[in-house]
Amino acid sequence: MPLAAAYRNHVWTYDIVYDAVASGRTLKVLTIVDEFTRLALAVHGAFSITARTVKGVLTELFERHGRARRHAVG
């Protein structure tokens, strides 16, 4: 069951969405959202997003905003 966010930095959700560009290549976009404020903390687009990329983006966010109490995959 999803956890309802009660305050800023309580719950972050993240997801990777895919779309095709004009050349036919697949563009991937990692989004990380604070569920309480609905603020997009990160939007990272690339043709390749690896686990290392996700960890790097999360590490930067932890340094900037502190750690969220809960994380959920969208």
PDB file of N, CA and C in Angstrom:
ATOM      1  N   MET A   1       0.847  -1.186   0.000  1.00  0.00           N
ATOM      2  CA  MET A   1       0.000   0.000   0.000  1.00  0.00           C
ATOM      3  C   MET A   1       0.889   1.246   0.000  1.00  0.00           C
ATOM      4  N   PRO A   2       0.609   2.211  -0.867  1.00  0.00           N
ATOM      5  CA  PRO A   2       1.405   3.443  -0.915  1.00  0.00           C
ATOM      6  C   PRO A   2       1.296   4.228   0.393  1.00  0.00           C
ATOM      7  N   LEU A   3       2.376   4.881   0.746  1.00  0.00           N
ATOM      8  CA  LEU A   3       2.418   5.705   1.946  1.00  0.00           C
ATOM      9  C   LEU A   3       2.111   7.144   1.567  1.00  0.00           C
ATOM     10  N   ALA A   4       1.131   7.751   2.236  1.00  0.00           N
ATOM     11  CA  ALA A   4       0.793   9.154   1.975  1.00  0.00           C
ATOM     12  C   ALA A   4       1.843  10.043   2.630  1.00  0.00           C
ATOM     13  N   ALA A   5       2.355  10.996   1.871  1.00  0.00           N
ATOM     14  CA  ALA A   5       3.358  11.926   2.396  1.00  0.00           C
ATOM     15  C   ALA A   5       2.709  12.912   3.358  1.00  0.00           C
ATOM     16  N   ALA A   6       3.320  13.085   4.519  1.00  0.00           N
ATOM     17  CA  ALA A   6       2.779  13.987   5.533  1.00  0.00           C
ATOM     18  C   ALA A   6       3.558  15.291   5.633  1.00  0.00           C
ATOM     19  N   TYR A   7       4.773  15.324   5.061  1.00  0.00           N
ATOM     20  CA  TYR A   7       5.609  16.517   5.134  1.00  0.00           C
ATOM     21  C   TYR A   7       6.707  16.419   4.069  1.00  0.00           C
ATOM     22  N   ARG A   8       7.387  17.539   3.828  1.00  0.00           N
ATOM     23  CA  ARG A   8       8.472  17.602   2.845  1.00  0.00           C
ATOM     24  C   ARG A   8       9.549  16.569   3.177  1.00  0.00           C
ATOM     25  N   ASN A   9      10.079  15.917   2.177  1.00  0.00           N
ATOM     26  CA  ASN A   9      11.125  14.896   2.314  1.00  0.00           C
ATOM     27  C   ASN A   9      10.654  13.624   3.012  1.00  0.00           C
ATOM     28  N   HIS A  10       9.359  13.445   3.162  1.00  0.00           N
ATOM     29  CA  HIS A  10       8.832  12.229   3.784  1.00  0.00           C
ATOM     30  C   HIS A  10       8.831  11.070   2.784  1.00  0.00           C
ATOM     31  N   VAL A  11       8.272  11.309   1.602  1.00  0.00           N
ATOM     32  CA  VAL A  11       8.190  10.265   0.571  1.00  0.00           C
ATOM     33  C   VAL A  11       8.630  10.843  -0.764  1.00  0.00           C
ATOM     34  N   TRP A  12       9.586  10.178  -1.402  1.00  0.00           N
ATOM     35  CA  TRP A  12       9.975  10.503  -2.772  1.00  0.00           C
ATOM     36  C   TRP A  12       9.580   9.323  -3.650  1.00  0.00           C
ATOM     37  N   THR A  13       9.099   9.623  -4.830  1.00  0.00           N
ATOM     38  CA  THR A  13       8.843   8.563  -5.806  1.00  0.00           C
ATOM     39  C   THR A  13       9.756   8.791  -7.001  1.00  0.00           C
ATOM     40  N   TYR A  14      10.122   7.690  -7.642  1.00  0.00           N
ATOM     41  CA  TYR A  14      10.931   7.830  -8.851  1.00  0.00           C
ATOM     42  C   TYR A  14      10.492   6.820  -9.880  1.00  0.00           C
ATOM     43  N   ASP A  15      10.720   7.189 -11.131  1.00  0.00           N
ATOM     44  CA  ASP A  15      10.290   6.367 -12.249  1.00  0.00           C
ATOM     45  C   ASP A  15      11.170   6.696 -13.448  1.00  0.00           C
ATOM     46  N   ILE A  16      11.229   5.777 -14.380  1.00  0.00           N
ATOM     47  CA  ILE A  16      11.899   6.016 -15.658  1.00  0.00           C
ATOM     48  C   ILE A  16      10.854   5.811 -16.742  1.00  0.00           C
ATOM     49  N   VAL A  17      10.654   6.841 -17.549  1.00  0.00           N
ATOM     50  CA  VAL A  17       9.722   6.760 -18.670  1.00  0.00           C
ATOM     51  C   VAL A  17      10.519   6.765 -19.969  1.00  0.00           C
ATOM     52  N   TYR A  18       9.931   6.216 -21.001  1.00  0.00           N
ATOM     53  CA  TYR A  18      10.607   6.054 -22.286  1.00  0.00           C
ATOM     54  C   TYR A  18       9.806   6.738 -23.387  1.00  0.00           C
ATOM     55  N   ASP A  19      10.513   7.265 -24.376  1.00  0.00           N
ATOM     56  CA  ASP A  19       9.874   7.833 -25.561  1.00  0.00           C
ATOM     57  C   ASP A  19      10.875   7.723 -26.705  1.00  0.00           C
ATOM     58  N   ALA A  20      10.378   7.789 -27.910  1.00  0.00           N
ATOM     59  CA  ALA A  20      11.249   7.737 -29.083  1.00  0.00           C
ATOM     60  C   ALA A  20      11.447   9.147 -29.624  1.00  0.00           C
ATOM     61  N   VAL A  21      12.671   9.436 -30.056  1.00  0.00           N
ATOM     62  CA  VAL A  21      12.971  10.715 -30.689  1.00  0.00           C
ATOM     63  C   VAL A  21      12.825  10.539 -32.201  1.00  0.00           C
ATOM     64  N   ALA A  22      12.967  11.623 -32.945  1.00  0.00           N
ATOM     65  CA  ALA A  22      12.739  11.596 -34.397  1.00  0.00           C
ATOM     66  C   ALA A  22      13.605  10.566 -35.124  1.00  0.00           C
ATOM     67  N   SER A  23      14.804  10.318 -34.617  1.00  0.00           N
ATOM     68  CA  SER A  23      15.701   9.353 -35.264  1.00  0.00           C
ATOM     69  C   SER A  23      15.297   7.910 -34.981  1.00  0.00           C
ATOM     70  N   GLY A  24      14.356   7.722 -34.053  1.00  0.00           N
ATOM     71  CA  GLY A  24      13.932   6.381 -33.691  1.00  0.00           C
ATOM     72  C   GLY A  24      14.602   5.856 -32.427  1.00  0.00           C
ATOM     73  N   ARG A  25      15.621   6.554 -31.937  1.00  0.00           N
ATOM     74  CA  ARG A  25      16.281   6.130 -30.699  1.00  0.00           C
ATOM     75  C   ARG A  25      15.349   6.325 -29.510  1.00  0.00           C
ATOM     76  N   THR A  26      15.548   5.514 -28.497  1.00  0.00           N
ATOM     77  CA  THR A  26      14.729   5.597 -27.297  1.00  0.00           C
ATOM     78  C   THR A  26      15.370   6.540 -26.294  1.00  0.00           C
ATOM     79  N   LEU A  27      14.621   7.541 -25.881  1.00  0.00           N
ATOM     80  CA  LEU A  27      15.057   8.482 -24.856  1.00  0.00           C
ATOM     81  C   LEU A  27      14.443   8.042 -23.539  1.00  0.00           C
ATOM     82  N   LYS A  28      15.253   7.982 -22.508  1.00  0.00           N
ATOM     83  CA  LYS A  28      14.789   7.607 -21.172  1.00  0.00           C
ATOM     84  C   LYS A  28      14.860   8.843 -20.274  1.00  0.00           C
ATOM     85  N   VAL A  29      13.864   8.997 -19.422  1.00  0.00           N
ATOM     86  CA  VAL A  29      13.832  10.141 -18.509  1.00  0.00           C
ATOM     87  C   VAL A  29      13.554   9.636 -17.098  1.00  0.00           C
ATOM     88  N   LEU A  30      14.512   9.894 -16.196  1.00  0.00           N
ATOM     89  CA  LEU A  30      14.370   9.568 -14.781  1.00  0.00           C
ATOM     90  C   LEU A  30      13.744  10.776 -14.092  1.00  0.00           C
ATOM     91  N   THR A  31      12.647  10.540 -13.380  1.00  0.00           N
ATOM     92  CA  THR A  31      12.012  11.618 -12.620  1.00  0.00           C
ATOM     93  C   THR A  31      11.971  11.216 -11.153  1.00  0.00           C
ATOM     94  N   ILE A  32      12.278  12.178 -10.282  1.00  0.00           N
ATOM     95  CA  ILE A  32      12.196  11.964  -8.840  1.00  0.00           C
ATOM     96  C   ILE A  32      11.372  13.116  -8.270  1.00  0.00           C
ATOM     97  N   VAL A  33      10.294  12.777  -7.566  1.00  0.00           N
ATOM     98  CA  VAL A  33       9.326  13.769  -7.094  1.00  0.00           C
ATOM     99  C   VAL A  33       9.144  13.651  -5.588  1.00  0.00           C
ATOM    100  N   ASP A  34       9.133  14.792  -4.903  1.00  0.00           N
ATOM    101  CA  ASP A  34       8.751  14.843  -3.496  1.00  0.00           C
ATOM    102  C   ASP A  34       7.220  14.797  -3.474  1.00  0.00           C
ATOM    103  N   GLU A  35       6.653  13.738  -2.904  1.00  0.00           N
ATOM    104  CA  GLU A  35       5.209  13.544  -2.961  1.00  0.00           C
ATOM    105  C   GLU A  35       4.408  14.572  -2.169  1.00  0.00           C
ATOM    106  N   PHE A  36       4.999  15.180  -1.155  1.00  0.00           N
ATOM    107  CA  PHE A  36       4.269  16.177  -0.369  1.00  0.00           C
ATOM    108  C   PHE A  36       4.184  17.505  -1.107  1.00  0.00           C
ATOM    109  N   THR A  37       5.326  17.994  -1.588  1.00  0.00           N
ATOM    110  CA  THR A  37       5.354  19.294  -2.262  1.00  0.00           C
ATOM    111  C   THR A  37       5.005  19.180  -3.738  1.00  0.00           C
ATOM    112  N   ARG A  38       5.086  17.944  -4.291  1.00  0.00           N
ATOM    113  CA  ARG A  38       4.900  17.659  -5.715  1.00  0.00           C
ATOM    114  C   ARG A  38       5.987  18.330  -6.563  1.00  0.00           C
ATOM    115  N   LEU A  39       7.090  18.693  -5.933  1.00  0.00           N
ATOM    116  CA  LEU A  39       8.230  19.298  -6.609  1.00  0.00           C
ATOM    117  C   LEU A  39       9.056  18.210  -7.283  1.00  0.00           C
ATOM    118  N   ALA A  40       9.383  18.414  -8.558  1.00  0.00           N
ATOM    119  CA  ALA A  40      10.286  17.501  -9.256  1.00  0.00           C
ATOM    120  C   ALA A  40      11.700  17.804  -8.776  1.00  0.00           C
ATOM    121  N   LEU A  41      12.250  16.908  -7.990  1.00  0.00           N
ATOM    122  CA  LEU A  41      13.590  17.103  -7.452  1.00  0.00           C
ATOM    123  C   LEU A  41      14.652  16.854  -8.509  1.00  0.00           C
ATOM    124  N   ALA A  42      14.349  15.956  -9.450  1.00  0.00           N
ATOM    125  CA  ALA A  42      15.290  15.662 -10.535  1.00  0.00           C
ATOM    126  C   ALA A  42      14.522  15.197 -11.758  1.00  0.00           C
ATOM    127  N   VAL A  43      14.986  15.649 -12.908  1.00  0.00           N
ATOM    128  CA  VAL A  43      14.521  15.157 -14.207  1.00  0.00           C
ATOM    129  C   VAL A  43      15.787  14.968 -15.016  1.00  0.00           C
ATOM    130  N   HIS A  44      16.136  13.711 -15.262  1.00  0.00           N
ATOM    131  CA  HIS A  44      17.399  13.394 -15.930  1.00  0.00           C
ATOM    132  C   HIS A  44      17.089  12.601 -17.198  1.00  0.00           C
ATOM    133  N   GLY A  45      17.370  13.190 -18.350  1.00  0.00           N
ATOM    134  CA  GLY A  45      17.124  12.525 -19.621  1.00  0.00           C
ATOM    135  C   GLY A  45      18.415  12.054 -20.268  1.00  0.00           C
ATOM    136  N   ALA A  46      18.379  10.845 -20.847  1.00  0.00           N
ATOM    137  CA  ALA A  46      19.552  10.293 -21.530  1.00  0.00           C
ATOM    138  C   ALA A  46      19.104   9.112 -22.389  1.00  0.00           C
ATOM    139  N   PHE A  47      19.951   8.705 -23.316  1.00  0.00           N
ATOM    140  CA  PHE A  47      19.647   7.533 -24.125  1.00  0.00           C
ATOM    141  C   PHE A  47      19.921   6.249 -23.353  1.00  0.00           C
ATOM    142  N   SER A  48      20.693   6.357 -22.270  1.00  0.00           N
ATOM    143  CA  SER A  48      20.974   5.206 -21.423  1.00  0.00           C
ATOM    144  C   SER A  48      20.955   5.655 -19.971  1.00  0.00           C
ATOM    145  N   ILE A  49      20.134   4.999 -19.159  1.00  0.00           N
ATOM    146  CA  ILE A  49      20.106   5.273 -17.729  1.00  0.00           C
ATOM    147  C   ILE A  49      20.354   3.943 -17.023  1.00  0.00           C
ATOM    148  N   THR A  50      21.479   3.867 -16.352  1.00  0.00           N
ATOM    149  CA  THR A  50      21.869   2.653 -15.644  1.00  0.00           C
ATOM    150  C   THR A  50      21.588   2.804 -14.152  1.00  0.00           C
ATOM    151  N   ALA A  51      21.745   1.718 -13.409  1.00  0.00           N
ATOM    152  CA  ALA A  51      21.613   1.782 -11.952  1.00  0.00           C
ATOM    153  C   ALA A  51      22.634   2.762 -11.380  1.00  0.00           C
ATOM    154  N   ARG A  52      23.817   2.793 -11.970  1.00  0.00           N
ATOM    155  CA  ARG A  52      24.855   3.735 -11.520  1.00  0.00           C
ATOM    156  C   ARG A  52      24.372   5.176 -11.690  1.00  0.00           C
ATOM    157  N   THR A  53      23.684   5.472 -12.791  1.00  0.00           N
ATOM    158  CA  THR A  53      23.143   6.809 -13.028  1.00  0.00           C
ATOM    159  C   THR A  53      22.115   7.161 -11.956  1.00  0.00           C
ATOM    160  N   VAL A  54      21.199   6.238 -11.683  1.00  0.00           N
ATOM    161  CA  VAL A  54      20.159   6.476 -10.675  1.00  0.00           C
ATOM    162  C   VAL A  54      20.803   6.730  -9.311  1.00  0.00           C
ATOM    163  N   LYS A  55      21.774   5.908  -8.942  1.00  0.00           N
ATOM    164  CA  LYS A  55      22.470   6.094  -7.664  1.00  0.00           C
ATOM    165  C   LYS A  55      23.161   7.447  -7.602  1.00  0.00           C
ATOM    166  N   GLY A  56      23.766   7.875  -8.701  1.00  0.00           N
ATOM    167  CA  GLY A  56      24.438   9.172  -8.743  1.00  0.00           C
ATOM    168  C   GLY A  56      23.472  10.325  -8.562  1.00  0.00           C
ATOM    169  N   VAL A  57      22.334  10.269  -9.239  1.00  0.00           N
ATOM    170  CA  VAL A  57      21.324  11.327  -9.112  1.00  0.00           C
ATOM    171  C   VAL A  57      20.787  11.352  -7.686  1.00  0.00           C
ATOM    172  N   LEU A  58      20.495  10.179  -7.112  1.00  0.00           N
ATOM    173  CA  LEU A  58      20.003  10.130  -5.738  1.00  0.00           C
ATOM    174  C   LEU A  58      21.044  10.661  -4.751  1.00  0.00           C
ATOM    175  N   THR A  59      22.307  10.327  -4.949  1.00  0.00           N
ATOM    176  CA  THR A  59      23.373  10.821  -4.076  1.00  0.00           C
ATOM    177  C   THR A  59      23.423  12.346  -4.095  1.00  0.00           C
ATOM    178  N   GLU A  60      23.325  12.948  -5.280  1.00  0.00           N
ATOM    179  CA  GLU A  60      23.308  14.413  -5.387  1.00  0.00           C
ATOM    180  C   GLU A  60      22.112  15.001  -4.646  1.00  0.00           C
ATOM    181  N   LEU A  61      20.944  14.356  -4.776  1.00  0.00           N
ATOM    182  CA  LEU A  61      19.751  14.851  -4.091  1.00  0.00           C
ATOM    183  C   LEU A  61      19.885  14.727  -2.581  1.00  0.00           C
ATOM    184  N   PHE A  62      20.471  13.626  -2.100  1.00  0.00           N
ATOM    185  CA  PHE A  62      20.676  13.456  -0.660  1.00  0.00           C
ATOM    186  C   PHE A  62      21.573  14.560  -0.118  1.00  0.00           C
ATOM    187  N   GLU A  63      22.607  14.916  -0.890  1.00  0.00           N
ATOM    188  CA  GLU A  63      23.515  15.984  -0.460  1.00  0.00           C
ATOM    189  C   GLU A  63      22.817  17.337  -0.436  1.00  0.00           C
ATOM    190  N   ARG A  64      21.928  17.562  -1.381  1.00  0.00           N
ATOM    191  CA  ARG A  64      21.244  18.856  -1.509  1.00  0.00           C
ATOM    192  C   ARG A  64      20.042  18.978  -0.563  1.00  0.00           C
ATOM    193  N   HIS A  65      19.249  17.905  -0.430  1.00  0.00           N
ATOM    194  CA  HIS A  65      17.980  17.975   0.307  1.00  0.00           C
ATOM    195  C   HIS A  65      17.939  17.128   1.570  1.00  0.00           C
ATOM    196  N   GLY A  66      18.967  16.317   1.820  1.00  0.00           N
ATOM    197  CA  GLY A  66      18.889  15.315   2.873  1.00  0.00           C
ATOM    198  C   GLY A  66      18.162  14.097   2.327  1.00  0.00           C
ATOM    199  N   ARG A  67      18.132  13.050   3.104  1.00  0.00           N
ATOM    200  CA  ARG A  67      17.484  11.820   2.653  1.00  0.00           C
ATOM    201  C   ARG A  67      15.984  11.868   2.937  1.00  0.00           C
ATOM    202  N   ALA A  68      15.216  11.340   2.020  1.00  0.00           N
ATOM    203  CA  ALA A  68      13.782  11.189   2.256  1.00  0.00           C
ATOM    204  C   ALA A  68      13.586  10.074   3.275  1.00  0.00           C
ATOM    205  N   ARG A  69      12.487  10.119   4.018  1.00  0.00           N
ATOM    206  CA  ARG A  69      12.210   9.061   4.982  1.00  0.00           C
ATOM    207  C   ARG A  69      11.827   7.771   4.268  1.00  0.00           C
ATOM    208  N   ARG A  70      11.143   7.872   3.130  1.00  0.00           N
ATOM    209  CA  ARG A  70      10.702   6.705   2.368  1.00  0.00           C
ATOM    210  C   ARG A  70      10.939   6.979   0.889  1.00  0.00           C
ATOM    211  N   HIS A  71      11.192   5.907   0.144  1.00  0.00           N
ATOM    212  CA  HIS A  71      11.355   5.981  -1.303  1.00  0.00           C
ATOM    213  C   HIS A  71      10.381   4.993  -1.920  1.00  0.00           C
ATOM    214  N   ALA A  72       9.787   5.352  -3.018  1.00  0.00           N
ATOM    215  CA  ALA A  72       8.849   4.457  -3.697  1.00  0.00           C
ATOM    216  C   ALA A  72       9.094   4.521  -5.184  1.00  0.00           C
ATOM    217  N   VAL A  73       9.005   3.392  -5.829  1.00  0.00           N
ATOM    218  CA  VAL A  73       9.152   3.340  -7.276  1.00  0.00           C
ATOM    219  C   VAL A  73       7.779   3.576  -7.888  1.00  0.00           C
ATOM    220  N   GLY A  74       7.729   4.523  -8.853  1.00  0.00           N
ATOM    221  CA  GLY A  74       6.459   4.864  -9.484  1.00  0.00           C
ATOM    222  C   GLY A  74       6.017   3.914 -10.539  1.00  0.00           C
TER     223      GLY A  74
END
